[in-house]
Protein backbone atom coordinates (compact mmCIF):
# COMPACT_ATOMS: atom_id res chain seq x y z
CA MET A 1 193.97 132.36 29.58
CA GLY A 2 196.44 131.37 26.91
CA LYS A 3 200.19 131.88 26.73
CA LYS A 4 201.65 135.31 27.49
CA ILE A 5 203.40 136.78 24.45
CA ALA A 6 205.31 140.01 23.88
CA VAL A 7 205.32 141.14 20.28
CA LEU A 8 208.25 143.56 19.72
CA GLY A 9 207.60 145.78 16.69
CA ALA A 10 204.29 147.43 15.82
CA GLY A 11 204.69 147.76 12.08
CA SER A 12 202.26 146.06 9.69
CA TRP A 13 203.45 142.50 10.27
CA GLY A 14 204.03 142.82 14.03
CA SER A 15 200.61 144.36 14.73
CA VAL A 16 198.81 141.78 12.54
CA LEU A 17 200.59 138.91 14.20
CA ALA A 18 199.66 140.37 17.56
CA SER A 19 196.03 140.46 16.40
CA LEU A 20 196.24 136.84 15.19
CA LEU A 21 197.73 135.65 18.49
CA ASP A 22 195.06 137.55 20.45
CA GLU A 23 192.33 135.97 18.31
CA ASN A 24 193.80 132.56 19.07
CA GLY A 25 193.48 133.16 22.80
CA SER A 26 196.98 134.37 23.75
CA ASP A 27 197.57 137.25 26.18
CA VAL A 28 199.43 139.74 24.00
CA LYS A 29 201.39 142.90 24.68
CA LEU A 30 202.64 144.90 21.72
CA TRP A 31 205.78 146.97 22.03
CA SER A 32 206.66 149.98 19.90
CA TYR A 33 209.44 152.54 20.40
CA ASN A 34 207.07 155.27 19.22
CA PRO A 35 204.89 156.79 22.05
CA GLY A 36 202.47 158.34 19.55
CA GLN A 37 201.83 154.93 17.95
CA VAL A 38 201.30 153.38 21.39
CA LYS A 39 198.85 156.15 22.31
CA GLU A 40 196.87 155.66 19.11
CA PHE A 41 196.76 151.88 19.57
CA ASN A 42 195.54 151.99 23.19
CA GLU A 43 193.06 154.82 22.73
CA ARG A 44 191.66 154.12 19.27
CA HIS A 45 192.82 150.54 18.73
CA THR A 46 194.13 151.42 15.31
CA ASN A 47 197.58 151.46 13.61
CA SER A 48 196.73 153.81 10.78
CA LYS A 49 200.20 154.28 9.33
CA TYR A 50 200.62 150.57 8.69
CA ILE A 51 197.18 148.90 8.56
CA LYS A 52 194.37 150.95 7.01
CA ASN A 53 190.69 150.57 8.02
CA PHE A 54 191.17 147.97 10.72
CA THR A 55 190.30 148.09 14.38
CA PHE A 56 192.34 145.90 16.74
CA SER A 57 191.03 144.08 19.76
CA GLU A 58 190.85 146.11 22.95
CA SER A 59 192.50 143.25 24.79
CA ILE A 60 195.82 143.91 23.07
CA VAL A 61 197.80 146.36 25.21
CA ALA A 62 200.52 148.45 23.54
CA THR A 63 203.49 149.90 25.44
CA ASN A 64 206.79 151.64 24.73
CA ASP A 65 208.30 150.23 27.88
CA LEU A 66 210.31 147.15 26.89
CA ALA A 67 210.58 145.83 30.44
CA GLU A 68 206.82 145.97 30.79
CA ALA A 69 206.28 144.27 27.50
CA VAL A 70 208.42 141.20 28.31
CA ASP A 71 207.42 140.92 31.98
CA ASN A 72 206.52 137.31 32.89
CA VAL A 73 205.91 136.28 29.24
CA ASP A 74 206.25 132.75 27.82
CA TYR A 75 207.28 133.93 24.34
CA ILE A 76 209.00 136.98 22.86
CA LEU A 77 208.27 137.52 19.13
CA PHE A 78 210.73 139.87 17.43
CA VAL A 79 209.22 141.72 14.43
CA VAL A 80 211.51 144.74 14.37
CA PRO A 81 213.50 145.77 11.27
CA THR A 82 216.49 143.59 10.58
CA GLN A 83 219.11 146.23 11.34
CA ALA A 84 217.38 147.07 14.64
CA THR A 85 217.21 143.49 15.86
CA ARG A 86 220.56 143.39 17.62
CA SER A 87 220.01 146.63 19.59
CA VAL A 88 216.52 145.52 20.74
CA ALA A 89 217.78 142.04 21.57
CA GLU A 90 220.59 143.54 23.67
CA GLN A 91 218.03 145.54 25.69
CA VAL A 92 215.81 142.44 26.10
CA ALA A 93 218.79 140.35 27.23
CA ALA A 94 219.64 142.75 29.95
CA ILE A 95 216.02 142.67 31.25
CA LEU A 96 215.81 138.87 31.15
CA ASN A 97 219.17 138.46 32.79
CA LYS A 98 218.27 140.85 35.63
CA ARG A 99 215.06 138.98 36.28
CA ASN A 100 216.58 135.55 35.73
CA GLN A 101 213.70 135.02 33.30
CA GLN A 102 213.66 132.25 30.60
CA VAL A 103 211.51 132.47 27.50
CA ASN A 104 211.00 131.03 24.01
CA ILE A 105 212.25 133.44 21.31
CA ILE A 106 210.64 133.73 17.93
CA HIS A 107 211.42 136.15 15.09
CA ALA A 108 209.39 137.00 12.05
CA SER A 109 211.68 139.58 10.39
CA LYS A 110 213.28 138.95 7.02
CA GLY A 111 216.81 140.09 6.39
CA ILE A 112 220.58 139.63 6.93
CA GLU A 113 222.51 141.84 9.28
CA GLU A 114 224.85 144.21 7.47
CA LYS A 115 228.63 143.84 7.97
CA THR A 116 228.32 140.64 10.04
CA TYR A 117 226.25 138.85 7.35
CA LEU A 118 224.48 136.97 10.14
CA ARG A 119 221.00 135.48 10.00
CA LEU A 120 218.66 136.87 12.66
CA SER A 121 218.58 133.67 14.69
CA GLN A 122 222.34 133.98 14.95
CA VAL A 123 222.07 137.62 16.05
CA LEU A 124 219.52 136.62 18.74
CA SER A 125 221.63 133.70 19.92
CA GLN A 126 224.61 136.03 20.29
CA GLU A 127 222.77 138.67 22.32
CA ILE A 128 220.40 136.63 24.51
CA ASN A 129 222.15 134.35 27.05
CA PRO A 130 221.49 130.63 26.82
CA GLN A 131 220.16 130.56 30.37
CA ASN A 132 217.49 133.13 29.39
CA ARG A 133 216.18 131.31 26.35
CA LYS A 134 214.49 127.96 25.93
CA SER A 135 214.54 128.04 22.11
CA ILE A 136 214.98 130.26 19.09
CA SER A 137 212.57 129.84 16.17
CA VAL A 138 211.77 131.67 12.94
CA LEU A 139 208.31 132.21 11.45
CA SER A 140 208.33 132.84 7.72
CA GLY A 141 206.48 132.32 4.44
CA PRO A 142 204.26 134.03 1.83
CA SER A 143 202.30 136.29 4.13
CA GLN A 144 201.39 139.85 3.25
CA ALA A 145 200.07 141.51 6.47
CA GLU A 146 197.34 143.29 4.51
CA ASP A 147 195.93 139.90 3.40
CA VAL A 148 196.26 138.11 6.78
CA VAL A 149 194.31 140.86 8.50
CA THR A 150 191.37 140.18 6.13
CA LYS A 151 191.67 136.44 6.96
CA ASP A 152 192.89 135.43 3.52
CA ILE A 153 194.14 131.82 3.49
CA THR A 154 197.80 131.95 4.45
CA LEU A 155 200.41 129.20 4.85
CA VAL A 156 203.76 129.74 6.60
CA THR A 157 206.60 127.75 8.17
CA VAL A 158 208.07 127.79 11.69
CA ALA A 159 211.66 126.55 11.71
CA SER A 160 213.69 125.66 14.79
CA ASP A 161 216.51 123.49 16.00
CA ASN A 162 214.08 122.55 18.80
CA GLN A 163 211.18 120.68 17.18
CA ARG A 164 209.19 120.60 20.45
CA ALA A 165 209.25 124.43 20.44
CA ALA A 166 208.38 124.48 16.71
CA LYS A 167 205.27 122.31 17.40
CA GLU A 168 204.23 124.56 20.30
CA ILE A 169 204.59 127.68 18.14
CA GLN A 170 202.69 125.95 15.32
CA ASP A 171 199.81 125.49 17.79
CA LEU A 172 200.01 129.12 18.95
CA PHE A 173 199.55 130.57 15.49
CA MET A 174 197.46 128.07 13.57
CA ASN A 175 193.73 128.62 12.93
CA HIS A 176 191.18 128.22 10.14
CA TYR A 177 192.84 130.76 7.83
CA PHE A 178 196.49 130.70 9.02
CA ARG A 179 198.15 127.31 8.58
CA VAL A 180 201.65 126.66 9.94
CA TYR A 181 204.08 123.91 8.95
CA THR A 182 207.20 122.96 10.94
CA SER A 183 210.76 122.64 9.67
CA ASP A 184 214.22 122.01 11.15
CA ASP A 185 215.97 123.93 8.35
CA VAL A 186 216.54 127.27 10.03
CA ILE A 187 219.27 128.24 7.58
CA GLY A 188 217.12 127.64 4.49
CA VAL A 189 214.02 129.36 5.87
CA GLU A 190 215.98 132.45 6.97
CA ILE A 191 218.01 132.71 3.72
CA GLY A 192 214.86 132.33 1.64
CA ALA A 193 213.03 134.92 3.73
CA ALA A 194 215.75 137.49 3.40
CA LEU A 195 216.81 137.13 -0.21
CA LYS A 196 213.35 137.05 -1.76
CA ASN A 197 213.19 140.80 -0.96
CA ILE A 198 216.01 141.30 -3.48
CA ILE A 199 214.01 139.55 -6.20
CA ALA A 200 210.96 141.67 -5.28
CA LEU A 201 212.98 144.80 -5.89
CA GLY A 202 214.00 143.47 -9.27
CA ALA A 203 210.46 142.50 -10.17
CA GLY A 204 209.16 145.87 -9.28
CA ALA A 205 211.84 147.53 -11.35
CA LEU A 206 210.95 145.44 -14.42
CA TYR A 207 207.35 146.43 -14.04
CA GLY A 208 208.28 150.08 -13.69
CA LEU A 209 210.29 149.76 -16.93
CA GLY A 210 207.34 148.27 -18.75
CA TYR A 211 208.44 144.65 -18.98
CA LYS A 212 205.71 142.02 -18.78
CA ASP A 213 204.98 138.53 -17.42
CA ASN A 214 207.72 136.63 -19.33
CA ALA A 215 210.41 138.93 -17.85
CA LYS A 216 208.87 138.62 -14.36
CA ALA A 217 208.80 134.82 -14.54
CA ALA A 218 212.42 134.75 -15.76
CA LEU A 219 213.59 136.96 -12.88
CA MET A 220 211.74 135.05 -10.26
CA THR A 221 212.91 131.66 -11.42
CA ARG A 222 216.54 132.52 -11.90
CA GLY A 223 216.44 134.63 -8.73
CA LEU A 224 215.25 131.56 -6.81
CA ALA A 225 218.20 129.60 -8.26
CA GLU A 226 220.58 132.23 -6.76
CA ILE A 227 218.90 132.05 -3.36
CA SER A 228 219.23 128.26 -3.43
CA ARG A 229 222.91 128.42 -4.41
CA LEU A 230 223.74 130.69 -1.50
CA GLY A 231 221.58 128.85 0.95
CA THR A 232 222.93 125.41 0.16
CA SER A 233 226.49 126.77 0.44
CA PHE A 234 225.69 127.22 4.18
CA GLY A 235 224.18 123.76 4.45
CA ALA A 236 220.53 124.56 3.84
CA ASN A 237 218.26 121.80 2.50
CA PRO A 238 217.67 122.55 -1.24
CA LEU A 239 214.07 121.35 -0.88
CA THR A 240 213.35 124.28 1.48
CA PHE A 241 213.60 126.63 -1.50
CA THR A 242 210.83 124.85 -3.31
CA GLY A 243 208.57 125.37 -0.26
CA LEU A 244 206.73 128.21 1.44
CA SER A 245 209.75 130.20 2.63
CA GLY A 246 211.38 129.79 -0.81
CA VAL A 247 209.28 129.81 -3.96
CA GLY A 248 206.09 130.73 -2.02
CA ASP A 249 207.62 133.89 -0.55
CA VAL A 250 209.21 134.83 -3.89
CA ILE A 251 205.87 134.62 -5.63
CA VAL A 252 203.93 136.77 -3.20
CA THR A 253 206.63 139.34 -2.58
CA ALA A 254 207.60 139.72 -6.27
CA THR A 255 204.02 140.04 -7.51
CA SER A 256 202.03 141.88 -4.81
CA THR A 257 201.59 145.65 -4.85
CA ASN A 258 201.36 145.37 -1.03
CA SER A 259 205.07 144.49 -0.98
CA ARG A 260 207.08 147.56 -0.13
CA ASN A 261 210.08 145.96 -1.83
CA TRP A 262 208.11 145.58 -5.08
CA ARG A 263 206.82 149.11 -4.74
CA ALA A 264 210.34 150.42 -4.19
CA GLY A 265 211.60 148.58 -7.29
CA ASN A 266 208.70 149.90 -9.29
CA GLU A 267 209.63 153.47 -8.38
CA LEU A 268 213.24 152.85 -9.30
CA GLY A 269 212.14 151.44 -12.64
CA LYS A 270 210.16 154.61 -13.33
CA GLY A 271 213.33 156.65 -12.89
CA LYS A 272 213.22 157.83 -9.26
CA SER A 273 216.45 157.90 -7.27
CA LEU A 274 217.08 155.55 -4.41
CA LYS A 275 217.05 158.52 -2.04
CA GLU A 276 213.58 159.58 -3.27
CA VAL A 277 212.24 156.06 -3.00
CA ILE A 278 213.40 155.63 0.62
CA GLU A 279 212.04 159.05 1.65
CA ASN A 280 208.67 158.48 -0.02
CA MET A 281 208.15 154.99 1.37
CA GLY A 282 208.07 155.99 4.99
CA MET A 283 208.75 152.40 6.08
CA VAL A 284 211.81 150.19 6.08
CA ILE A 285 212.58 148.56 2.70
CA GLU A 286 214.38 145.44 3.88
CA GLY A 287 215.61 144.40 0.41
CA ILE A 288 217.93 147.41 0.07
CA ALA A 289 220.22 146.50 2.96
CA THR A 290 219.79 142.77 2.24
CA THR A 291 221.02 143.34 -1.35
CA ARG A 292 224.32 144.77 -0.06
CA ALA A 293 224.70 141.98 2.49
CA ALA A 294 223.94 139.19 0.02
CA TYR A 295 226.20 140.71 -2.68
CA GLU A 296 229.17 140.96 -0.27
CA LEU A 297 228.42 137.54 1.14
CA SER A 298 228.31 135.95 -2.35
CA LYS A 299 231.75 137.43 -3.08
CA LYS A 300 233.19 136.12 0.18
CA ARG A 301 231.79 132.63 -0.44
CA GLY A 302 232.47 132.46 -4.18
CA VAL A 303 228.76 131.95 -5.06
CA GLU A 304 227.65 133.29 -8.46
CA MET A 305 224.61 135.56 -8.08
CA PRO A 306 224.32 137.69 -11.25
CA ILE A 307 220.83 139.08 -10.52
CA THR A 308 221.77 140.07 -7.02
CA SER A 309 224.95 141.62 -8.34
CA ALA A 310 223.08 143.57 -10.98
CA ILE A 311 220.56 144.95 -8.45
CA TYR A 312 223.42 145.84 -6.09
CA HIS A 313 225.13 147.91 -8.80
CA VAL A 314 221.90 149.73 -9.61
CA LEU A 315 221.21 150.54 -5.93
CA TYR A 316 224.75 151.35 -4.80
CA ASP A 317 226.74 152.27 -7.86
CA GLY A 318 224.15 154.14 -9.79
CA ALA A 319 224.23 151.71 -12.75
CA ASP A 320 221.62 152.29 -15.48
CA ILE A 321 218.84 149.76 -15.12
CA LYS A 322 218.29 149.16 -18.80
CA GLU A 323 221.99 148.69 -19.52
CA THR A 324 222.20 146.34 -16.53
CA ILE A 325 219.35 144.20 -17.88
CA ASN A 326 221.01 144.09 -21.29
CA ALA A 327 224.24 142.91 -19.67
CA LEU A 328 222.37 140.14 -17.91
CA MET A 329 220.66 139.03 -21.11
CA THR A 330 223.89 138.94 -23.13
CA ARG A 331 225.91 136.83 -20.65
CA GLU A 332 227.50 133.73 -22.04
CA GLY A 333 225.04 130.87 -22.54
CA ARG A 334 225.10 128.02 -19.99
CA SER A 335 223.14 125.08 -18.65
CA GLU A 336 219.98 125.85 -16.62
CA ILE A 337 221.11 123.74 -13.69
CA GLU A 338 224.29 125.79 -13.17
């Protein structure tokens, strides 16, 4: 029997990663707060709201009991929405502390916590006591769950301050269709993972408005420049943003119709209100909260992020999208490397 792993969060990405780990020989328990989802998973071995036309292995056990999920595990993989990470981590911390249990922590969510502006590894390190965690790592990269479940070739990165842990996690996840690289740039990987959702919203909006490939390429390229500026202001390695968790993740999230952030932007571009988009999606759109966090963070740090600022004003101030695009295009000319 392989390593025992608790996967917390049974959305599309969490359930697909649970399936991947099970396929690789790990003993996997999948936690969801939703009893109905747990019942469907255990009885029918499906997750129909998130992953269509796929049957999961019967060896994956789902539960809505967090204490049961993390009992005697080697790894805990957080794949809950960004804004729920702290509350779930707080509950996990209490369980681990009571049992005097020590585990390796991984997260595969992509966002920045609102108000605190913290990356998720920082949130996890605040909530889970050092004596209860061996390491904290982040798994990220261009990886649509709908493609991974069909065994499409996928490359991602695991970043950690503990390279021994990163190597162990690399071995846990890697197989013939899912290749994992290691990195020690946790800051860069997490910033890239979070902010690419903002660019995906913008790319979807451009498509909804009828703009074509030139506009999409412009947005993605200049958006990546903004991500790099903010990331390097925190000490990230600029080369990280040319890698899988930078340009790779921007490409897949800003071009794939499987991306809920792209789909949300597309609906906004077609004239729907933000309220309508959120209600119709039925799933968390990480880029919406991340846009606010990144915008406020850029102001605090004095980092120029015109695309992020424009998307923020459309989402939160009701700015007209076409007028906003025109304002971006008529900004004063400057060097590309600025």
